[in-house]
Each structure stands twice: as structure tokens, then as C-alpha cells.
Amino acid sequence: MVVRPHLHWFRMLLAWRGSVLPQLLPRLFLIFFVSLVAIAVHAHLLPVSVNLSTTPFSLVGIALAVFLGFRNNASYDRYWEARKLWGQLLNTARSLTRQALTLPRGDGPHDTSGPAADADVREFAQVLGALPHALRHQLRHTDARDDLAARLPVPLLERVMASRYRPIAIVQWLGEWVQRRAQAGTVDGYAALAFDRNLNELSNSIGGCERIAGTPLPFAYSVMIHRTVYFFCAALPFGLVESIGSFTPVFAVFVAYTFMAHEAIASQLEDPFGTEDNDLALNALSNTIEDAVLDILGEPSPLPRAGVRRGVIFD
């Protein structure tokens, strides 16, 4: 994902990174070529005759704008829900870390300052910090071993890597950690219930992300809009050439850019967990959650983070 600061209106006209224009350029050149053909046909330079008025294009254009608006709204709803789920994951991770450090224990007062946090609590926090990385790799269908190997003990790493649903395997281990502490009497019953509620919240966030990733918009609907957009843009020059003549390529390409860009943006937002410019910044979100957990422990981030170049965050 590319996250930019607010740009001046003129600089925004020239923005390239993060825009869908680069991927649309070949298609826009095709529309430009079709516009030249329409001009040649209208000037009788080619032995064919295509006479179209702007009326059908006005009707189709209005309907197409409504359909594209609906598709964009549906795609953005998926994007925003995914972002809220990751925000909930951050809040729950902070709550679990605070509980591990401060909730009442059966063995009496316990020093919870960062450097004095016992090794057992530190291990809990480190495993919790690995959870968003495991979830990110599962949603993107990438190999999580390198990221998890730097954060998990070897026995747990092998257990997690052998699991089909690796984030849930980590949640299972966190639940077992609470169970061990409860059986040893170092966490009382009320604290164990509080842990369990937050572990359920982790499962809900993971399940919500899996639901979005596994349930795309209906394919038939996407195909219908895609075909209509490209047929409309390819036929438009033949409807404009009668009224605007040699300016047909300019207006045809501009209208094509408007419709094609809306469809391209909707296609990117539909899968918010991908790696395209307008998808969620899962690398940055994963690092933020891990850093938040370690900050509560009073420990620094263990790994270097991706930086910001010229005010632009690249994920």
C-alpha cells in the first residue's frame, strides 16, 4: 500500500505512484487508436460507414455509472471492514498484554515493570506479537516461516508451521498458556475468564478476515460490469465523432479513463489483503501490533522497520 500525505492540488494531478493510471495506459492507447479509426470512418477514409448518435451512450452511461458506484461501495465496504478488524486485533493484543502483566495473580504482588517482567510473560507477549505476521501470510498465501522463526521458539514454530490455520494455532497456544497459569494458581479464575474473552476477540478478528478473503464479490456481476465498461468505451468514439470531430480522441480517452479507473480501483479494494498499491498496508499493521505489545513490556522492536521515503509510506 502507498500512503501519501495530503498533496497540493497541482501535484495530485501529476501523482503516479498509487494511481491506477500506469496499468490503464495500454487500454487507453487502444481507445485512442479506436478514436482515430472513428475519425477515419467519419471522413470516409475507410470503406465502411458507422453512424451513431449520442443518445444510446447517454442512457448506457447513466446505467453504467450507477452499477460502478454500487461496485465501488461494495468493494470499499470490504476494505473498511478489513481495516476495522485489524484495528480490533491491535486493541485486543494490547489488552492481552496488559492483562498478562497486571491482572491479579494467586501468588501475591508481582512487579510488572518492563525489565522485571518474568520470562513466562515475556514469552506470551512475543508469541502474541507473532500472531499478526502469521495472519498476514495466511491472507496473502505466502510463506510465514522466516517471519515466525524470528519470533517463536523452535517447538512452537514447528507446531504452527504444521497447522493449516497458523494464526489459530498461535491463539490455541495462548489459551494453553492461560490454562497452565490457572492450574498453577498464578492466575485466578476471574483473570482467566478475562483472558478467554480477549482470546475469543482474537478468533473473531481472524475469522472476519478469513470471511472477507474467502468470499469475493459474485464473479458474474464483476464480468457484466467489466464487459459493459469496455464495450461502452470502445463504441463511444463512433458516437462522439459526429459532434466533436477531431477532438474525439481527447474526450473518448478521458471518459474511458474515468470508467476504467473506477473499475480498476474497485477491483483492488475488493481484495484488501493483497499487495497492490491500494490494498491494506498489512506489513505496517503487523509491525504496529508487534511494536505495541513490546512497548507495553518496555522492550524495543526486535527488527528494523520499513521506512518512509519522501513522506510516502511504502508497504
Protein backbone atom coordinates (compact mmCIF):
# COMPACT_ATOMS: atom_id res chain seq x y z
CA MET A 1 0.00 0.00 0.00
CA VAL A 2 1.09 3.55 -0.68
CA VAL A 3 0.13 6.12 1.98
CA ARG A 4 0.79 9.71 0.99
CA PRO A 5 0.44 12.97 2.89
CA HIS A 6 -2.09 15.44 1.53
CA LEU A 7 -0.77 16.80 -1.76
CA HIS A 8 -1.15 20.20 -3.37
CA TRP A 9 -3.90 20.14 -6.00
CA PHE A 10 -1.43 20.51 -8.86
CA ARG A 11 0.95 17.82 -7.58
CA MET A 12 -2.02 15.48 -7.22
CA LEU A 13 -2.68 15.88 -10.96
CA LEU A 14 0.81 14.50 -11.61
CA ALA A 15 0.81 11.75 -8.95
CA TRP A 16 1.93 8.44 -10.42
CA ARG A 17 2.72 6.00 -7.61
CA GLY A 18 -0.52 4.83 -6.03
CA SER A 19 -2.58 5.76 -9.09
CA VAL A 20 -4.20 3.16 -11.36
CA LEU A 21 -3.10 5.12 -14.44
CA PRO A 22 0.06 3.05 -15.11
CA GLN A 23 -1.92 -0.17 -15.51
CA LEU A 24 -4.54 1.59 -17.65
CA LEU A 25 -2.16 3.16 -20.16
CA PRO A 26 -2.19 0.26 -22.69
CA ARG A 27 -6.01 0.22 -22.64
CA LEU A 28 -6.21 3.99 -23.05
CA PHE A 29 -3.87 3.82 -26.03
CA LEU A 30 -6.23 1.25 -27.51
CA ILE A 31 -9.17 3.64 -27.08
CA PHE A 32 -7.07 6.38 -28.67
CA PHE A 33 -6.44 4.13 -31.68
CA VAL A 34 -10.17 3.30 -31.93
CA SER A 35 -10.88 7.05 -31.87
CA LEU A 36 -8.53 7.56 -34.82
CA VAL A 37 -10.38 4.79 -36.67
CA ALA A 38 -13.69 6.52 -35.90
CA ILE A 39 -12.36 9.80 -37.34
CA ALA A 40 -11.13 8.00 -40.45
CA VAL A 41 -14.53 6.33 -40.91
CA HIS A 42 -16.35 9.61 -40.44
CA ALA A 43 -14.10 11.31 -43.01
CA HIS A 44 -14.77 8.44 -45.46
CA LEU A 45 -11.10 7.47 -45.46
CA LEU A 46 -12.13 3.84 -44.89
CA PRO A 47 -14.66 1.88 -46.98
CA VAL A 48 -17.10 1.43 -44.04
CA SER A 49 -19.88 3.55 -42.57
CA VAL A 50 -20.78 3.70 -38.86
CA ASN A 51 -23.30 6.37 -37.90
CA LEU A 52 -24.20 6.51 -34.20
CA SER A 53 -25.86 9.24 -32.16
CA THR A 54 -25.02 10.17 -28.58
CA THR A 55 -28.47 9.21 -27.21
CA PRO A 56 -27.80 5.49 -26.57
CA PHE A 57 -24.47 6.37 -24.99
CA SER A 58 -26.19 8.77 -22.59
CA LEU A 59 -28.60 6.05 -21.47
CA VAL A 60 -25.94 3.37 -21.12
CA GLY A 61 -23.54 5.79 -19.44
CA ILE A 62 -26.03 6.65 -16.70
CA ALA A 63 -26.80 2.99 -16.00
CA LEU A 64 -23.11 2.12 -16.06
CA ALA A 65 -22.29 4.90 -13.60
CA VAL A 66 -24.91 3.52 -11.19
CA PHE A 67 -23.52 -0.02 -11.48
CA LEU A 68 -19.94 1.16 -10.99
CA GLY A 69 -20.98 3.21 -7.97
CA PHE A 70 -22.58 0.15 -6.41
CA ARG A 71 -19.50 -1.97 -7.14
CA ASN A 72 -17.19 0.64 -5.62
CA ASN A 73 -19.34 0.91 -2.50
CA ALA A 74 -19.37 -2.87 -2.07
CA SER A 75 -15.59 -3.06 -2.54
CA TYR A 76 -14.90 -0.19 -0.14
CA ASP A 77 -17.16 -1.78 2.49
CA ARG A 78 -14.95 -4.88 2.34
CA TYR A 79 -11.81 -2.71 2.56
CA TRP A 80 -13.08 -0.72 5.53
CA GLU A 81 -14.35 -3.79 7.38
CA ALA A 82 -10.93 -5.40 6.95
CA ARG A 83 -9.25 -2.29 8.36
CA LYS A 84 -11.59 -2.30 11.38
CA LEU A 85 -10.81 -5.97 12.03
CA TRP A 86 -7.08 -5.22 12.09
CA GLY A 87 -7.72 -2.28 14.39
CA GLN A 88 -9.65 -4.59 16.68
CA LEU A 89 -6.72 -7.01 16.56
CA LEU A 90 -4.42 -4.23 17.76
CA ASN A 91 -6.73 -3.30 20.66
CA THR A 92 -7.13 -6.92 21.74
CA ALA A 93 -3.37 -7.55 21.62
CA ARG A 94 -2.79 -4.54 23.86
CA SER A 95 -5.46 -5.74 26.29
CA LEU A 96 -3.99 -9.24 26.48
CA THR A 97 -0.50 -7.90 27.13
CA ARG A 98 -1.80 -5.60 29.86
CA GLN A 99 -3.70 -8.49 31.44
CA ALA A 100 -0.64 -10.74 31.38
CA LEU A 101 1.28 -8.04 33.26
CA THR A 102 -1.26 -6.58 35.68
CA LEU A 103 -4.23 -8.86 36.41
CA PRO A 104 -4.41 -10.39 39.92
CA ARG A 105 -2.35 -13.50 40.48
CA GLY A 106 -2.67 -16.11 43.12
CA ASP A 107 0.96 -15.75 44.21
CA GLY A 108 0.55 -12.20 45.54
CA PRO A 109 2.00 -8.87 44.38
CA HIS A 110 4.04 -9.00 41.19
CA ASP A 111 6.41 -6.40 39.79
CA THR A 112 5.14 -5.61 36.29
CA SER A 113 7.68 -3.05 35.11
CA GLY A 114 9.15 -3.75 31.68
CA PRO A 115 12.64 -5.09 32.53
CA ALA A 116 11.30 -7.01 35.54
CA ALA A 117 8.55 -8.84 33.63
CA ASP A 118 9.21 -12.56 34.12
CA ALA A 119 10.29 -14.77 31.23
CA ASP A 120 6.91 -16.51 31.08
CA VAL A 121 5.02 -13.26 30.47
CA ARG A 122 7.66 -12.11 28.01
CA GLU A 123 7.24 -15.34 26.03
CA PHE A 124 3.46 -14.81 25.99
CA ALA A 125 3.92 -11.30 24.59
CA GLN A 126 6.43 -12.42 21.96
CA VAL A 127 4.12 -15.16 20.71
CA LEU A 128 1.24 -12.68 20.67
CA GLY A 129 3.39 -10.30 18.60
CA ALA A 130 3.93 -13.07 16.04
CA LEU A 131 0.18 -13.55 15.54
CA PRO A 132 -0.41 -10.64 13.07
CA HIS A 133 2.53 -11.81 10.94
CA ALA A 134 1.06 -15.31 10.74
CA LEU A 135 -2.33 -13.85 9.82
CA ARG A 136 -0.82 -11.60 7.15
CA HIS A 137 0.92 -14.51 5.45
CA GLN A 138 -2.21 -16.65 5.59
CA LEU A 139 -4.32 -13.94 3.96
CA ARG A 140 -1.70 -13.35 1.26
CA HIS A 141 -0.91 -17.08 0.77
CA THR A 142 2.81 -16.53 1.35
CA ASP A 143 5.41 -18.45 3.36
CA ALA A 144 5.42 -17.38 7.01
CA ARG A 145 8.43 -19.41 8.15
CA ASP A 146 11.06 -16.66 8.04
CA ASP A 147 8.94 -14.14 9.94
CA LEU A 148 7.76 -16.68 12.52
CA ALA A 149 11.20 -18.22 13.00
CA ALA A 150 12.48 -14.85 14.23
CA ARG A 151 9.69 -14.62 16.83
CA LEU A 152 8.67 -18.10 18.01
CA PRO A 153 10.59 -20.79 19.94
CA VAL A 154 11.50 -23.77 17.78
CA PRO A 155 8.98 -26.28 19.21
CA LEU A 156 6.11 -23.84 18.78
CA LEU A 157 7.36 -22.82 15.32
CA GLU A 158 7.21 -26.42 14.09
CA ARG A 159 3.77 -26.87 15.61
CA VAL A 160 2.46 -23.70 13.97
CA MET A 161 4.01 -24.46 10.58
CA ALA A 162 2.42 -27.93 10.63
CA SER A 163 -1.02 -26.38 11.14
CA ARG A 164 -3.29 -25.42 8.27
CA TYR A 165 -4.60 -22.35 10.13
CA ARG A 166 -1.46 -20.92 11.68
CA PRO A 167 -2.96 -17.86 13.42
CA ILE A 168 -5.46 -20.12 15.20
CA ALA A 169 -2.61 -22.42 16.25
CA ILE A 170 -0.99 -19.42 17.93
CA VAL A 171 -4.28 -18.48 19.63
CA GLN A 172 -4.51 -22.09 20.83
CA TRP A 173 -1.05 -21.81 22.40
CA LEU A 174 -2.03 -18.54 24.11
CA GLY A 175 -5.06 -20.29 25.58
CA GLU A 176 -2.87 -23.14 26.80
CA TRP A 177 -0.55 -20.58 28.42
CA VAL A 178 -3.50 -19.16 30.38
CA GLN A 179 -4.62 -22.68 31.31
CA ARG A 180 -1.17 -23.54 32.67
CA ARG A 181 -1.04 -20.38 34.73
CA ALA A 182 -4.54 -21.02 36.09
CA GLN A 183 -3.70 -24.61 37.03
CA ALA A 184 -0.51 -23.43 38.75
CA GLY A 185 -2.53 -20.89 40.73
CA THR A 186 -0.66 -17.88 39.36
CA VAL A 187 -3.75 -16.56 37.56
CA ASP A 188 -7.08 -16.52 39.41
CA GLY A 189 -10.41 -17.60 37.90
CA TYR A 190 -11.67 -14.10 37.09
CA ALA A 191 -8.43 -13.25 35.31
CA ALA A 192 -8.66 -16.48 33.29
CA LEU A 193 -12.17 -15.51 32.16
CA ALA A 194 -10.93 -12.07 31.13
CA PHE A 195 -8.15 -13.70 29.11
CA ASP A 196 -10.65 -16.03 27.48
CA ARG A 197 -12.89 -13.16 26.36
CA ASN A 198 -9.99 -11.43 24.65
CA LEU A 199 -8.80 -14.67 23.07
CA ASN A 200 -12.30 -15.03 21.64
CA GLU A 201 -11.95 -11.50 20.23
CA LEU A 202 -8.73 -12.58 18.51
CA SER A 203 -10.56 -15.53 16.96
CA ASN A 204 -13.38 -13.24 15.82
CA SER A 205 -10.93 -10.87 14.12
CA ILE A 206 -9.13 -13.74 12.39
CA GLY A 207 -12.43 -15.29 11.30
CA GLY A 208 -13.66 -11.97 9.93
CA CYS A 209 -10.53 -11.58 7.81
CA GLU A 210 -10.88 -15.15 6.54
CA ARG A 211 -14.50 -14.47 5.63
CA ILE A 212 -13.56 -11.42 3.55
CA ALA A 213 -10.67 -13.22 1.86
CA GLY A 214 -12.78 -16.30 1.09
CA THR A 215 -15.94 -14.55 -0.14
CA PRO A 216 -15.28 -12.32 -3.17
CA LEU A 217 -17.97 -10.36 -4.96
CA PRO A 218 -20.05 -12.53 -7.33
CA PHE A 219 -18.00 -13.25 -10.44
CA ALA A 220 -20.94 -12.87 -12.82
CA TYR A 221 -21.57 -9.34 -11.54
CA SER A 222 -17.92 -8.35 -12.00
CA VAL A 223 -17.82 -9.81 -15.52
CA MET A 224 -21.01 -7.99 -16.52
CA ILE A 225 -19.64 -4.62 -15.42
CA HIS A 226 -16.25 -5.31 -17.00
CA ARG A 227 -17.75 -6.19 -20.39
CA THR A 228 -20.13 -3.23 -20.33
CA VAL A 229 -17.34 -0.76 -19.47
CA TYR A 230 -15.09 -1.90 -22.30
CA PHE A 231 -17.85 -2.15 -24.89
CA PHE A 232 -19.06 1.33 -23.95
CA CYS A 233 -15.56 2.84 -24.12
CA ALA A 234 -14.76 1.13 -27.45
CA ALA A 235 -18.00 2.26 -29.10
CA LEU A 236 -18.04 5.80 -27.65
CA PRO A 237 -15.71 7.38 -30.28
CA PHE A 238 -18.19 6.46 -33.04
CA GLY A 239 -20.91 8.34 -31.17
CA LEU A 240 -18.80 11.41 -30.47
CA VAL A 241 -17.13 11.90 -33.83
CA GLU A 242 -20.24 13.41 -35.44
CA SER A 243 -20.46 16.21 -32.89
CA ILE A 244 -16.85 16.97 -31.87
CA GLY A 245 -14.85 15.71 -34.84
CA SER A 246 -11.09 15.76 -34.37
CA PHE A 247 -11.45 16.23 -30.58
CA THR A 248 -12.92 12.73 -30.32
CA PRO A 249 -9.68 11.07 -29.10
CA VAL A 250 -9.33 13.56 -26.23
CA PHE A 251 -12.84 13.13 -24.85
CA ALA A 252 -13.05 9.41 -25.57
CA VAL A 253 -9.79 8.72 -23.70
CA PHE A 254 -10.87 10.92 -20.78
CA VAL A 255 -14.24 9.17 -20.43
CA ALA A 256 -12.55 5.78 -20.81
CA TYR A 257 -10.09 6.70 -18.06
CA THR A 258 -12.95 7.66 -15.73
CA PHE A 259 -14.88 4.41 -16.16
CA MET A 260 -11.86 2.08 -16.36
CA ALA A 261 -10.23 3.69 -13.33
CA HIS A 262 -13.36 3.21 -11.24
CA GLU A 263 -13.45 -0.45 -12.19
CA ALA A 264 -9.72 -0.91 -11.52
CA ILE A 265 -9.97 0.75 -8.10
CA ALA A 266 -12.97 -1.40 -7.18
CA SER A 267 -11.05 -4.50 -8.27
CA GLN A 268 -8.12 -3.59 -6.00
CA LEU A 269 -10.28 -2.72 -2.98
CA GLU A 270 -12.30 -5.92 -3.38
CA ASP A 271 -9.31 -7.89 -2.04
CA PRO A 272 -7.94 -5.63 0.73
CA PHE A 273 -5.27 -8.13 1.78
CA GLY A 274 -3.29 -8.14 -1.47
CA THR A 275 -0.05 -6.37 -2.32
CA GLU A 276 -1.28 -3.76 -4.80
CA ASP A 277 -0.83 -0.05 -4.17
CA ASN A 278 -4.35 0.48 -2.81
CA ASP A 279 -4.57 -2.61 -0.59
CA LEU A 280 -4.19 -2.52 3.18
CA ALA A 281 -0.68 -1.94 4.49
CA LEU A 282 -0.54 -5.30 6.26
CA ASN A 283 3.24 -5.20 6.73
CA ALA A 284 2.98 -1.89 8.57
CA LEU A 285 -0.10 -3.03 10.54
CA SER A 286 1.63 -6.24 11.61
CA ASN A 287 4.69 -4.31 12.77
CA THR A 288 2.49 -1.79 14.60
CA ILE A 289 0.74 -4.52 16.57
CA GLU A 290 4.01 -6.21 17.49
CA ASP A 291 5.59 -2.90 18.48
CA ALA A 292 2.57 -2.02 20.63
CA VAL A 293 2.88 -5.31 22.52
CA LEU A 294 6.63 -4.88 23.05
CA ASP A 295 6.16 -1.25 24.09
CA ILE A 296 3.89 -2.32 26.95
CA LEU A 297 6.65 -4.72 28.04
CA GLY A 298 9.14 -1.87 27.86
CA GLU A 299 11.20 -3.59 25.17
CA PRO A 300 12.38 -2.20 21.82
CA SER A 301 11.30 -3.51 18.46
CA PRO A 302 13.47 -6.55 17.60
CA LEU A 303 13.72 -5.95 13.86
CA PRO A 304 14.27 -2.89 11.62
CA ARG A 305 11.10 -1.49 10.12
CA ALA A 306 10.44 -0.25 6.61
CA GLY A 307 10.99 3.47 6.47
CA VAL A 308 9.26 6.41 4.92
CA ARG A 309 10.74 7.85 1.75
CA ARG A 310 10.00 11.47 0.94
CA GLY A 311 6.84 11.45 3.03
CA VAL A 312 5.43 8.35 1.31
CA ILE A 313 4.94 5.07 3.18
CA PHE A 314 5.63 2.02 1.03
CA ASP A 315 4.30 -1.31 2.28
